[in-house]
Protein backbone atom coordinates (compact mmCIF):
# COMPACT_ATOMS: atom_id res chain seq x y z
CA MET A 1 107.24 81.03 102.65
CA PHE A 2 107.70 84.78 102.38
CA ILE A 3 105.07 87.48 101.93
CA GLN A 4 106.61 90.82 101.25
CA THR A 5 106.21 93.99 99.25
CA ASN A 6 108.02 94.69 96.01
CA LYS A 7 111.17 96.67 96.80
CA PRO A 8 114.43 96.81 94.85
CA GLN A 9 117.28 94.61 96.01
CA LYS A 10 120.04 96.56 97.79
CA LYS A 11 123.46 95.49 99.07
CA PRO A 12 124.09 95.67 102.83
CA LEU A 13 126.06 98.66 104.04
CA LEU A 14 127.51 97.17 107.23
CA LYS A 15 127.37 93.85 109.01
CA VAL A 16 126.79 94.75 112.63
CA LEU A 17 125.05 92.61 115.22
CA MET A 18 123.66 94.55 118.17
CA VAL A 19 120.42 93.51 119.84
CA CYS A 20 118.75 95.06 122.88
CA GLY A 21 115.37 94.72 124.54
CA LEU A 22 113.16 92.39 122.47
CA LEU A 23 110.01 90.89 124.02
CA LEU A 24 107.22 88.43 123.16
CA GLY A 25 108.14 87.78 119.57
CA LEU A 26 111.86 88.37 119.41
CA ILE A 27 114.64 87.27 121.80
CA GLY A 28 116.37 89.89 123.94
CA THR A 29 117.11 90.55 127.58
CA ILE A 30 118.49 94.04 128.29
CA PRO A 31 116.37 97.12 127.51
CA ALA A 32 118.28 99.79 125.62
CA GLU A 33 118.66 103.31 126.94
CA SER A 34 119.17 106.00 124.32
CA ILE A 35 118.03 109.51 123.58
CA SER A 36 116.20 109.40 120.25
CA LEU A 37 115.92 112.20 117.77
CA PRO A 38 112.42 113.21 116.67
CA SER A 39 111.10 110.88 113.97
CA ALA A 40 107.80 112.38 112.91
CA GLY A 41 109.09 112.69 109.37
CA VAL A 42 112.05 114.19 107.54
CA ASN A 43 112.12 117.79 106.39
CA ARG A 44 115.49 118.42 104.76
CA PHE A 45 116.04 121.62 102.84
CA VAL A 46 119.05 123.69 101.84
CA THR A 47 119.00 127.22 100.44
CA ILE A 48 121.38 128.12 97.63
CA GLU A 49 121.90 131.25 95.56
CA VAL A 50 121.58 130.91 91.77
CA ASP A 51 122.18 133.30 88.89
CA TYR A 52 119.48 134.17 86.40
CA THR A 53 118.75 136.89 83.85
CA ILE A 54 115.69 139.15 83.59
CA HIS A 55 114.69 140.11 80.05
CA GLU A 56 112.41 143.16 80.00
CA TRP A 57 110.16 143.56 76.95
CA TRP A 58 107.94 146.48 76.01
CA LEU A 59 104.77 146.20 74.02
CA LEU A 60 104.51 149.46 72.08
CA SER A 61 101.90 150.97 69.82
CA TRP A 62 102.90 151.40 66.18
CA LYS A 63 100.85 154.57 66.06
CA ASP A 64 102.66 156.62 68.71
CA SER A 65 105.36 154.27 70.18
CA GLU A 66 103.73 154.56 73.59
CA ILE A 67 104.45 151.71 76.05
CA VAL A 68 101.27 149.69 76.43
CA CYS A 69 102.63 146.94 78.67
CA GLN A 70 105.86 145.53 80.13
CA VAL A 71 106.66 141.80 80.06
CA TYR A 72 109.46 140.07 81.99
CA THR A 73 110.95 136.73 81.04
CA GLU A 74 113.93 134.60 82.07
CA HIS A 75 114.70 133.43 78.52
CA GLU A 76 116.09 135.16 75.47
CA ALA A 77 113.27 134.20 73.11
CA TRP A 78 110.26 136.44 72.53
CA PRO A 79 107.53 136.23 75.17
CA ASP A 80 104.83 133.73 74.31
CA ALA A 81 101.09 134.32 74.42
CA SER A 82 100.71 133.02 77.98
CA GLU A 83 103.37 135.42 79.29
CA VAL A 84 101.75 138.38 77.53
CA LEU A 85 98.40 137.33 79.01
CA TYR A 86 99.91 137.16 82.51
CA TYR A 87 101.46 140.64 82.45
CA CYS A 88 99.11 142.51 80.13
CA GLY A 89 95.66 140.95 80.29
CA GLN A 90 93.40 139.41 77.70
CA ASN A 91 92.53 142.54 75.71
CA ILE A 92 96.15 143.52 75.05
CA GLN A 93 97.10 139.90 74.35
CA LYS A 94 94.32 139.69 71.75
CA GLN A 95 95.42 142.96 70.16
CA TRP A 96 99.06 141.79 70.00
CA LEU A 97 98.16 138.40 68.54
CA GLY A 98 96.04 140.13 65.90
CA THR A 99 98.85 142.41 64.78
CA SER A 100 100.27 141.45 61.39
CA ALA A 101 103.77 142.31 60.15
CA CYS A 102 104.33 145.95 59.27
CA VAL A 103 105.54 145.96 55.65
CA PHE A 104 106.56 149.19 53.94
CA ASP A 105 105.06 149.51 50.44
CA GLU A 106 103.25 152.09 48.33
CA ASN A 107 100.45 152.19 50.93
CA ILE A 108 102.61 152.32 54.09
CA THR A 109 105.68 154.57 54.09
CA ASN A 110 105.79 155.49 57.81
CA PRO A 111 105.79 153.07 60.81
CA GLN A 112 103.11 155.21 62.47
CA GLU A 113 100.73 154.13 59.72
CA CYS A 114 100.95 150.49 60.91
CA LYS A 115 98.23 149.12 63.20
CA GLY A 116 98.53 147.16 66.38
CA LEU A 117 101.43 146.49 68.77
CA TYR A 118 105.04 145.45 68.49
CA LEU A 119 107.64 144.02 70.90
CA HIS A 120 110.87 145.72 71.87
CA LYS A 121 113.53 144.31 74.22
CA ALA A 122 114.17 147.13 76.67
CA SER A 123 116.82 145.68 78.99
CA VAL A 124 118.75 142.60 80.11
CA THR A 125 119.55 142.47 83.85
CA PRO A 126 121.71 139.80 85.55
CA SER A 127 120.17 138.83 88.92
CA LYS A 128 120.45 136.36 91.79
CA ARG A 129 117.83 134.52 93.78
CA LYS A 130 117.74 132.12 96.69
CA VAL A 131 116.31 128.69 95.95
CA GLU A 132 115.21 126.15 98.55
CA ILE A 133 116.15 122.59 97.53
CA SER A 134 114.79 119.45 99.11
CA LEU A 135 117.53 116.96 100.05
CA PRO A 136 117.08 113.18 99.97
CA SER A 137 116.19 111.63 103.31
CA PRO A 138 117.60 108.63 105.15
CA GLU A 139 115.69 105.40 104.74
CA VAL A 140 115.65 102.01 106.44
CA PHE A 141 115.04 98.71 104.65
CA VAL A 142 114.12 95.36 106.13
CA SER A 143 115.01 91.82 105.07
CA VAL A 144 115.60 88.37 106.58
CA ALA A 145 119.13 87.04 107.07
CA GLY A 146 120.48 83.65 108.14
CA CYS A 147 117.56 81.63 106.78
CA ALA A 148 119.00 78.19 106.05
CA ARG A 149 116.89 76.31 103.52
CA GLU A 150 116.66 72.90 102.03
CA PRO A 151 116.84 72.76 98.21
CA GLY A 152 113.56 73.76 96.59
CA GLN A 153 112.00 74.90 99.89
CA MET A 154 111.03 78.39 101.05
CA ASN A 155 110.90 77.68 104.78
CA CYS A 156 113.90 78.18 107.09
CA THR A 157 115.51 75.25 108.88
CA THR A 158 116.97 77.57 111.53
CA LEU A 159 115.61 80.67 113.22
CA PRO A 160 116.80 83.63 111.11
CA TYR A 161 117.38 87.30 111.89
CA LEU A 162 115.35 90.35 110.94
CA ARG A 163 117.90 92.63 109.29
CA LEU A 164 117.45 96.41 109.28
CA GLN A 165 119.72 98.40 106.98
CA ALA A 166 119.76 102.19 106.90
CA VAL A 167 120.91 104.34 103.99
CA GLU A 168 122.11 107.94 104.33
CA PRO A 169 122.10 109.51 100.83
CA LEU A 170 124.08 112.65 101.74
CA PRO A 171 127.79 112.14 100.97
CA ASN A 172 129.25 113.75 104.10
CA GLU A 173 126.76 112.32 106.60
CA GLN A 174 126.27 108.90 108.16
CA ILE A 175 123.75 106.86 110.10
CA ILE A 176 124.37 107.12 113.85
CA GLN A 177 121.99 104.42 115.01
CA ILE A 178 118.84 102.46 114.24
CA ASN A 179 116.12 102.59 116.89
CA GLY A 180 112.83 100.83 117.17
CA THR A 181 110.36 98.78 119.15
CA VAL A 182 109.14 95.21 119.03
CA ASN A 183 105.66 94.89 120.52
CA GLY A 184 106.41 98.11 122.38
CA ALA A 185 109.81 97.03 123.78
CA GLY A 186 112.62 99.31 122.62
CA PHE A 187 115.91 98.43 120.96
CA SER A 188 118.83 100.44 119.61
CA CYS A 189 121.74 99.46 117.37
CA PRO A 190 124.75 101.70 116.62
CA GLY A 191 125.61 102.30 112.98
CA GLY A 192 123.63 101.58 109.86
CA ALA A 193 122.78 97.89 110.31
CA CYS A 194 120.91 95.93 112.92
CA ASP A 195 120.20 92.17 113.13
CA LEU A 196 117.35 91.15 115.42
CA PRO A 197 117.08 87.42 116.24
CA LEU A 198 113.62 86.00 115.57
CA SER A 199 111.60 83.49 117.57
CA PRO A 200 108.08 82.05 117.11
CA THR A 201 105.43 84.76 117.27
CA GLY A 202 102.00 83.20 116.88
CA MET A 203 99.72 83.44 113.86
CA GLU A 204 99.12 87.19 114.11
CA GLY A 205 102.83 88.02 114.24
CA VAL A 206 104.38 90.98 116.07
CA LEU A 207 104.66 94.65 115.14
CA VAL A 208 108.16 96.04 114.64
CA GLU A 209 108.63 99.81 114.34
CA PHE A 210 112.02 101.18 113.30
CA TRP A 211 113.78 104.35 112.20
CA ALA A 212 117.32 105.64 111.67
CA GLU A 213 119.09 108.67 113.15
CA SER A 214 121.58 110.62 111.06
CA SER A 215 124.63 112.75 111.79
CA TYR A 216 122.80 115.46 109.81
CA GLY A 217 120.78 115.98 113.00
CA ASP A 218 117.49 114.41 112.03
CA ALA A 219 115.87 111.00 111.72
CA SER A 220 114.13 109.01 109.03
CA GLU A 221 110.43 108.31 108.92
CA ARG A 222 109.07 105.74 111.33
CA TYR A 223 108.51 102.50 109.45
CA LYS A 224 106.52 99.43 110.40
CA ALA A 225 106.82 95.72 109.71
CA GLN A 226 104.46 92.96 110.77
CA VAL A 227 106.64 89.90 111.34
CA ARG A 228 105.40 86.35 111.73
CA VAL A 229 107.48 83.26 112.56
CA ILE A 230 105.63 79.94 112.62
CA PRO A 231 107.29 76.61 113.57
CA TRP A 232 105.94 73.83 111.35
CA GLY A 233 106.00 70.11 112.09
CA ASP A 234 106.21 67.73 115.03
CA PHE A 235 109.67 68.98 116.02
CA ALA A 236 107.94 71.79 117.92
CA ASN A 237 105.71 69.42 119.92
CA PRO A 238 106.93 69.56 123.56
CA ASP A 239 105.07 66.36 124.48
CA GLN A 240 106.88 63.94 122.25
CA THR A 241 110.25 63.25 120.71
CA THR A 242 110.50 63.47 116.94
CA THR A 243 113.10 63.15 114.23
CA ASP A 244 111.55 65.92 112.16
CA LYS A 245 113.96 68.64 111.15
CA PRO A 246 113.13 72.15 112.39
CA SER A 247 111.10 74.20 109.93
CA TYR A 248 110.01 77.82 110.27
CA TYR A 249 107.79 79.89 108.01
CA VAL A 250 108.78 83.56 108.12
CA ASP A 251 106.56 86.32 106.76
CA VAL A 252 107.25 90.06 106.70
CA LEU A 253 104.73 92.71 105.70
CA SER A 254 106.39 96.09 105.19
CA SER A 255 106.69 98.83 102.60
CA GLN A 256 110.45 98.68 103.30
CA TRP A 257 110.92 95.02 102.38
CA MET A 258 113.99 94.43 100.17
CA GLY A 259 114.27 90.64 100.25
CA GLU A 260 113.03 88.07 97.79
CA GLY A 261 109.37 87.31 97.23
CA HIS A 262 106.52 89.73 97.62
CA SER A 263 102.77 90.08 97.53
CA THR A 264 101.77 93.68 97.07
CA CYS A 265 98.13 93.32 98.10
CA SER A 266 99.21 91.48 101.26
CA GLU A 267 101.06 94.64 102.29
CA ILE A 268 98.12 96.85 101.29
CA TRP A 269 95.75 94.75 103.41
CA GLN A 270 98.28 93.91 106.14
CA SER A 271 97.21 90.30 105.66
CA PHE A 272 99.43 87.24 105.94
CA MET A 273 99.04 84.34 103.49
CA PRO A 274 98.09 80.93 104.89
CA VAL A 275 101.14 79.26 106.43
CA ASP A 276 100.94 76.38 103.96
CA GLY A 277 100.71 78.79 101.04
CA PRO A 278 97.82 80.36 99.15
CA PRO A 279 95.15 78.29 97.39
CA SER A 280 96.02 77.15 93.89
CA TRP A 281 94.11 79.95 92.16
CA LEU A 282 96.24 82.55 94.00
CA ARG A 283 99.65 81.03 93.28
CA THR A 284 102.46 82.07 90.98
CA PRO A 285 104.16 78.84 89.89
CA SER A 286 107.87 78.47 89.28
CA LEU A 287 107.44 77.99 85.53
CA ALA A 288 105.08 79.55 83.02
CA GLN A 289 104.21 76.07 81.75
CA GLU A 290 102.65 75.33 85.14
CA LEU A 291 99.90 77.93 84.72
CA VAL A 292 96.63 76.01 84.51
CA SER A 293 93.95 76.45 81.85
CA THR A 294 91.66 73.51 81.08
CA LYS A 295 88.53 75.17 79.65
CA GLN A 296 87.31 75.01 76.08
CA TYR A 297 87.14 78.49 74.65
CA TYR A 298 84.37 78.42 72.04
CA LEU A 299 84.37 82.18 71.49
CA LEU A 300 88.14 82.28 71.01
CA ALA A 301 87.93 79.31 68.65
CA GLY A 302 85.28 81.12 66.59
CA LEU A 303 87.43 84.24 66.33
CA LEU A 304 90.45 82.19 65.24
CA ILE A 305 88.35 80.48 62.59
CA LYS A 306 87.13 83.87 61.31
CA GLN A 307 90.71 85.13 61.11
CA GLY A 308 91.69 82.15 58.99
CA LEU A 309 94.04 80.66 61.57
CA VAL A 310 91.95 77.48 61.74
CA ASP A 311 90.63 75.49 58.79
CA ALA A 312 87.13 74.35 59.74
CA ALA A 313 85.80 74.04 56.20
CA GLY A 314 84.84 70.43 56.82
CA CYS A 315 82.54 71.38 59.70
CA PRO A 316 78.86 72.37 59.44
CA SER A 317 78.51 76.12 58.83
CA GLY A 318 82.27 76.38 58.53
CA GLY A 319 82.69 75.50 62.21
CA LEU A 320 80.74 78.53 63.46
CA ALA A 321 77.52 78.83 65.43
CA THR A 322 75.07 81.67 64.78
CA THR A 323 76.52 83.55 67.79
CA GLY A 324 79.95 83.71 66.17
CA ALA A 325 81.43 81.18 68.57
CA ALA A 326 82.68 77.85 67.32
CA ASN A 327 80.30 74.91 67.16
CA ALA A 328 81.37 71.52 68.51
CA CYS A 329 83.11 70.56 65.26
CA GLY A 330 84.82 73.95 64.98
CA MET A 331 86.01 73.70 68.58
CA GLU A 332 87.55 70.30 67.90
CA ALA A 333 89.27 71.60 64.78
CA ALA A 334 90.59 74.67 66.60
CA GLN A 335 91.68 73.04 69.87
CA ALA A 336 95.42 72.91 69.14
CA VAL A 337 95.50 76.51 67.88
CA VAL A 338 93.41 77.65 70.85
CA ASP A 339 95.90 76.07 73.25
CA ASP A 340 98.86 77.73 71.54
CA TRP A 341 97.07 81.08 71.41
CA GLN A 342 96.14 81.33 75.08
CA ASN A 343 99.51 79.95 76.26
CA GLN A 344 101.49 82.58 74.35
CA PHE A 345 100.67 85.14 77.07
CA ASP A 346 101.96 82.98 79.93
CA ALA A 347 105.54 84.30 79.94
CA GLU A 348 104.38 87.92 80.19
CA ILE A 349 101.84 87.01 82.88
CA MET A 350 104.67 85.49 84.91
CA ARG A 351 106.91 88.52 84.41
CA VAL A 352 104.16 90.93 85.47
CA ALA A 353 103.35 88.74 88.49
CA GLU A 354 106.98 88.97 89.58
CA ASP A 355 106.98 92.73 89.01
CA THR A 356 103.72 93.57 90.79
CA GLY A 357 103.01 90.73 93.24
CA VAL A 358 99.64 89.97 91.61
CA PRO A 359 99.31 86.15 91.47
CA ALA A 360 99.94 84.80 87.96
CA GLN A 361 97.25 82.10 88.12
CA LEU A 362 94.70 84.71 89.21
CA MET A 363 95.46 86.84 86.16
CA LYS A 364 95.18 83.86 83.84
CA ASN A 365 91.84 82.88 85.39
CA ILE A 366 90.48 86.40 84.98
CA PHE A 367 91.59 86.59 81.33
CA SER A 368 89.92 83.24 80.76
CA ARG A 369 86.64 84.49 82.19
CA GLU A 370 86.68 88.02 80.78
CA SER A 371 87.92 87.70 77.21
CA GLN A 372 88.88 84.08 76.52
CA PHE A 373 92.30 85.58 75.72
CA TRP A 374 91.08 87.73 72.80
CA PRO A 375 92.38 91.22 73.70
CA GLY A 376 90.42 93.40 71.26
CA ILE A 377 87.26 95.43 71.88
CA TYR A 378 84.10 93.37 71.53
CA GLN A 379 81.17 94.77 69.61
CA LYS A 380 78.46 96.44 71.74
CA VAL A 381 80.70 96.20 74.84
CA ARG A 382 82.89 99.15 75.85
CA GLU A 383 85.56 96.92 77.36
CA ALA A 384 89.02 96.14 76.04
CA GLY A 385 92.06 93.99 76.57
CA LEU A 386 92.60 90.56 78.04
CA GLY A 387 90.97 91.66 81.30
CA HIS A 388 88.11 93.63 79.67
CA LEU A 389 88.96 96.99 81.17
CA SER A 390 85.98 99.38 81.07
CA ASP A 391 85.71 103.13 81.58
CA ILE A 392 84.65 102.54 85.19
CA GLY A 393 87.60 100.19 85.66
CA ALA A 394 89.95 102.77 84.19
CA ASP A 395 88.51 105.34 86.58
CA GLY A 396 89.40 103.08 89.50
CA VAL A 397 92.98 102.57 88.31
CA LEU A 398 93.61 106.29 87.90
CA LEU A 399 92.05 107.20 91.26
CA TRP A 400 93.34 104.36 93.45
CA ASN A 401 96.80 103.76 91.97
CA PRO A 402 98.43 107.22 92.18
CA ALA A 403 101.86 105.86 91.25
CA PHE A 404 100.47 104.59 87.95
CA TYR A 405 98.46 107.79 87.43
CA SER A 406 101.59 109.93 87.87
CA GLN A 407 103.32 107.90 85.14
CA PHE A 408 100.38 107.70 82.72
CA CYS A 409 98.77 111.14 82.95
CA PRO A 410 101.71 113.15 81.47
CA LEU A 411 101.46 111.02 78.33
CA ILE A 412 98.02 112.56 77.74
CA LEU A 413 97.86 115.89 79.59
CA ALA A 414 100.32 118.61 80.59
CA ASN A 415 102.47 117.97 83.67
CA GLU A 416 100.98 120.98 85.44
CA THR A 417 97.48 119.62 84.91
CA CYS A 418 98.42 116.13 86.09
CA GLN A 419 99.86 117.47 89.34
CA ARG A 420 96.35 118.35 90.47
CA GLY A 421 95.56 114.65 90.93
CA PHE A 422 92.93 112.63 89.07
CA GLY A 423 90.11 113.46 91.51
CA ASN A 424 90.67 117.21 91.00
CA LEU A 425 90.69 117.20 87.20
CA ASP A 426 87.81 118.60 85.17
CA PRO A 427 85.23 115.98 84.06
CA ALA A 428 86.36 116.35 80.44
CA GLN A 429 90.00 115.73 81.42
CA GLN A 430 89.04 112.69 83.48
CA GLU A 431 87.07 111.31 80.56
CA MET A 432 90.04 111.88 78.25
CA LEU A 433 92.31 109.90 80.58
CA ARG A 434 89.80 107.08 80.99
CA GLY A 435 89.36 106.76 77.24
CA ALA A 436 93.10 106.87 76.64
CA LEU A 437 93.71 104.10 79.19
CA VAL A 438 91.06 101.85 77.68
CA GLN A 439 92.68 102.35 74.29
CA LYS A 440 96.09 101.50 75.77
CA VAL A 441 94.86 98.00 76.61
CA ASN A 442 92.99 97.60 73.34
CA ALA A 443 95.05 95.34 71.09
CA ALA A 444 92.58 95.34 68.18
CA CYS A 445 94.50 96.20 65.02
CA PRO A 446 92.57 96.22 61.72
CA ASP A 447 95.81 96.55 59.75
CA CYS A 448 97.51 93.59 61.47
CA PRO A 449 97.46 90.18 59.72
CA ILE A 450 95.21 88.58 62.38
CA GLY A 451 93.47 91.73 63.58
CA ILE A 452 95.41 91.76 66.88
CA ASP A 453 98.63 93.53 67.86
CA LEU A 454 100.28 90.90 70.05
CA ASN A 455 102.89 93.30 71.41
CA GLN A 456 100.10 95.58 72.58
CA ALA A 457 98.26 92.60 74.07
CA ASN A 458 101.30 91.66 76.15
CA PHE A 459 101.78 95.27 77.21
CA SER A 460 98.17 95.44 78.41
CA ILE A 461 98.84 92.71 80.99
CA SER A 462 100.94 95.12 83.06
CA ILE A 463 98.20 97.76 83.02
CA PHE A 464 95.64 95.16 84.05
CA ALA A 465 97.78 94.09 87.02
CA ARG A 466 97.91 97.74 88.12
CA SER A 467 94.12 97.82 87.93
CA LEU A 468 93.96 94.87 90.33
CA LEU A 469 96.30 96.67 92.73
CA ALA A 470 93.96 99.67 92.56
CA ASN A 471 91.05 97.39 93.45
CA CYS A 472 93.04 96.02 96.40
CA GLU A 473 93.48 99.61 97.62
CA GLN A 474 89.79 100.34 97.17
CA VAL A 475 88.78 97.22 99.12
CA ARG A 476 91.17 98.26 101.89
CA GLN A 477 89.47 101.65 102.10
CA ILE A 478 85.96 100.15 102.06
CA ILE A 479 86.80 97.78 104.93
CA TYR A 480 88.56 100.51 106.90
CA ASN A 481 85.60 102.85 106.46
CA SER A 482 83.23 100.10 107.67
CA THR A 483 85.28 98.75 110.58
CA GLY A 484 88.01 101.24 111.45
CA ARG A 485 90.50 98.36 111.17
CA GLN A 486 92.95 97.08 108.57
CA PRO A 487 91.57 94.33 106.28
CA GLY A 488 94.01 91.70 107.57
CA GLN A 489 92.56 92.16 111.06
CA VAL A 490 88.99 91.30 110.02
CA ALA A 491 89.25 88.98 106.99
CA ASN A 492 91.57 86.27 105.70
CA TYR A 493 93.84 86.48 102.67
CA GLU A 494 91.70 84.39 100.28
CA ASP A 495 88.47 86.19 101.15
CA LEU A 496 90.15 89.57 100.63
CA TRP A 497 91.03 88.54 97.08
CA LYS A 498 87.40 87.44 96.54
CA PHE A 499 86.22 90.83 97.77
CA THR A 500 88.65 92.41 95.30
CA LEU A 501 87.27 90.33 92.43
CA LEU A 502 83.73 91.33 93.37
CA ASN A 503 84.80 94.97 93.49
CA TYR A 504 86.39 94.64 90.03
CA ASN A 505 83.33 92.94 88.55
CA ALA A 506 80.35 94.58 90.27
CA GLY A 507 81.75 97.79 91.73
CA PRO A 508 82.34 99.27 95.20
CA GLY A 509 78.65 100.03 95.71
CA CYS A 510 77.82 96.33 95.71
CA ILE A 511 80.56 95.21 98.07
CA GLY A 512 80.34 98.25 100.35
CA ASN A 513 76.61 97.81 100.97
CA ALA A 514 76.94 94.04 101.47
CA MET A 515 79.75 94.51 103.98
CA GLN A 516 77.75 97.06 105.93
CA ARG A 517 74.77 94.68 106.11
CA THR A 518 77.08 91.90 107.28
CA ILE A 519 78.51 94.09 110.04
CA ASN A 520 75.07 95.36 111.08
CA ASN A 521 73.95 91.73 111.46
CA GLY A 522 76.87 91.09 113.80
CA ASN A 523 78.56 88.61 111.42
CA PRO A 524 82.27 88.41 110.54
CA LEU A 525 83.50 89.60 107.15
CA THR A 526 83.81 86.28 105.37
CA TRP A 527 83.16 85.77 101.67
CA ILE A 528 80.09 83.61 102.40
CA ASN A 529 78.55 86.20 104.74
CA VAL A 530 79.19 89.10 102.39
CA ALA A 531 77.86 87.16 99.38
CA GLN A 532 74.65 86.39 101.28
CA ASN A 533 74.08 90.10 101.81
CA LEU A 534 74.53 91.23 98.21
CA GLN A 535 71.64 93.04 96.59
CA GLU A 536 69.82 91.38 93.71
CA ILE A 537 71.53 93.46 91.03
CA CYS A 538 74.95 92.50 92.42
CA ARG A 539 74.51 88.75 92.84
CA ALA A 540 75.85 87.88 89.41
CA GLY A 541 79.21 88.78 90.93
CA ILE A 542 79.02 85.59 93.01
CA ALA A 543 79.15 83.43 89.90
CA TYR A 544 82.01 85.57 88.61
CA VAL A 545 84.08 85.07 91.78
CA ASP A 546 83.25 81.34 91.84
CA ASP A 547 84.38 80.97 88.23
CA VAL A 548 87.65 82.87 88.66
CA SER A 549 88.54 81.06 91.88
CA ALA A 550 87.62 77.60 90.54
CA MET A 551 90.55 75.30 89.80
CA PRO A 552 90.74 71.63 88.75
CA GLN A 553 90.79 69.47 91.87
CA ALA A 554 90.36 72.58 94.01
CA GLU A 555 90.63 72.24 97.74
CA THR A 556 87.20 73.73 98.44
CA GLY A 557 83.93 74.01 96.61
CA SER A 558 82.34 77.18 95.33
CA ILE A 559 79.92 79.24 97.33
CA SER A 560 77.20 77.83 95.09
CA ASP A 561 77.99 74.41 96.60
CA ILE A 562 78.15 75.71 100.16
CA LEU A 563 74.90 77.65 99.91
CA SER A 564 72.98 74.68 98.56
CA THR A 565 69.69 75.79 100.13
CA PRO A 566 68.99 79.41 99.31
CA GLU A 567 67.41 81.42 102.08
CA PRO A 568 65.89 84.89 102.01
CA ASN A 569 68.50 87.53 101.26
CA THR A 570 71.08 84.93 100.19
CA TYR A 571 72.56 83.80 96.90
CA LEU A 572 70.12 82.98 94.13
CA PRO A 573 70.88 81.86 90.56
CA THR A 574 71.36 84.88 88.30
CA PRO A 575 72.00 85.57 84.61
CA THR A 576 75.61 85.42 83.41
CA ILE A 577 75.65 89.08 82.26
CA GLN A 578 77.27 91.17 84.99
CA PRO A 579 75.62 94.48 85.90
CA THR A 580 77.71 97.59 86.19
CA PRO A 581 76.37 99.55 89.18
CA ARG A 582 77.51 103.12 89.66
CA PRO A 583 80.49 103.28 92.01
CA ILE A 584 80.47 104.84 95.46
CA ILE A 585 82.85 107.80 95.56
CA LEU A 586 85.50 107.07 98.18
CA THR A 587 88.44 109.23 99.13
CA PRO A 588 91.69 107.32 99.68
CA THR A 589 93.22 107.70 103.13
CA PRO A 590 96.26 110.00 102.84
CA GLY A 591 99.51 108.09 103.16
CA PRO A 592 103.09 107.97 101.97
CA THR A 593 103.60 108.53 98.25
CA ALA A 594 103.89 105.18 96.47
CA THR A 595 107.08 104.30 94.66
CA PRO A 596 106.47 105.15 90.97
CA ILE A 597 105.99 102.13 88.72
CA PRO A 598 107.89 102.40 85.46
CA TYR A 599 105.52 103.13 82.59
CA PRO A 600 105.28 102.09 79.85
CA GLY A 601 108.53 100.12 79.93
CA HIS A 602 107.76 98.60 83.38
């Protein structure tokens, strides 16, 4: 089983095996001695001289040909209004823009009779300037090598190696060595590749820090990887002899992962999956046909009947209840079409899961709960798409997923405006982006034969996955603010996803306050404890999380089953309509810039 972050596959540069000084989690005997270059970050710049041309323009008065203002440009075309404003001020710009063409006729026979200002190119001057250019930096990627597997299995049958591969992008430079530490013990490998033999680590894993030194005279950033190696089966039992074959589960959490398999939120939280794999509702199966959906969708059936895709003429009231959903007869008539309709999104759900690391079954469960797979905008509800994205949800995506924001914002606003960051935009600009994003996931199409643009519906799945990643980031920040620790250090993988669902449904105010109460009471951050401390207005989120995480023949019951006897300040039955509390404004912790996610072509 592998838990990694989504990084592009890259071919190895060298195959070099050199291991020194590994302790506690990795095998090694001789500490390495080397003088390391500073690795607090890379700052590569080169200064070059470039040619350019200065075009000098004069703004002159028609009346007396006096120079009113001088404008300088680096292009041959006339200065535009913004350039005139910059050099001349608003009053002169307004006067120039208000000047009409000077046409000689019976009324005007002399240019001095014309009103306003005119432009005259005064000079063209070749010039040179020095420009500072940022050069690409070296980078180190991590993967696992030598993992022998049995067919159809993800575990290793032999202890593999942790492979570090460094890349020097400058053509005339090379990687000198890769340095690092494992649980504080140093190692150094010459060249651009390093294979570190792995051994069992314990459930928490070990921390590996690594960086590369370049012949350019600098070093890459310092990177981290949390590595876990768990032996599985009786073969590891020292007290008895067994015929079991060796089996090792290897997990790596790192932004520099380049191997197969990934779980983006695992890396965000620094949280390992359970050794035997995630629960069924957090899995991505091998085939799209294995995605589970067993509910009867009465609302979807009613909409399909209204669109004429189902013939329910033989049913009472044409198969429809007064609410617009199908009645029992209409549901029976529509069942086959309902199945085909909701399954048509499975292939795209699987593709997006592979692209983003968001579990495919989780997305399908959320779509089932939120929209019953009808991706238009519902009347009286300002939510759109398969996942019912709202304005508040869009706000979270744009604030907490900067890679997506940097791709989406220039489609709506000017590049210069977008560079300020979503949190620094004017309220009107933020509202424009929120509205545009909600419309991007809205697949309602009055001119389409069935009222839905299916291409747009499939496209919205990718945006929704990005919104879940943003919620993972927000939950990470909430937990860090409350505890000063990474989420994986204080909560398990499944509970972190439940916190994320609650954050998506009820907002950060609900989960932040409940977590703080839990901590103040001296209790661990488990889903049950946090749910017990939710305020009254937030408790509908419990039913939401229970519904999304429920699976046929699930391994565990819902919190409603566990909390069978409500106590003061614990879960109580609530209406099915979810409140939308105002969010707490949180500032993301500064960190490395995320790798941009292709948008809109993924």
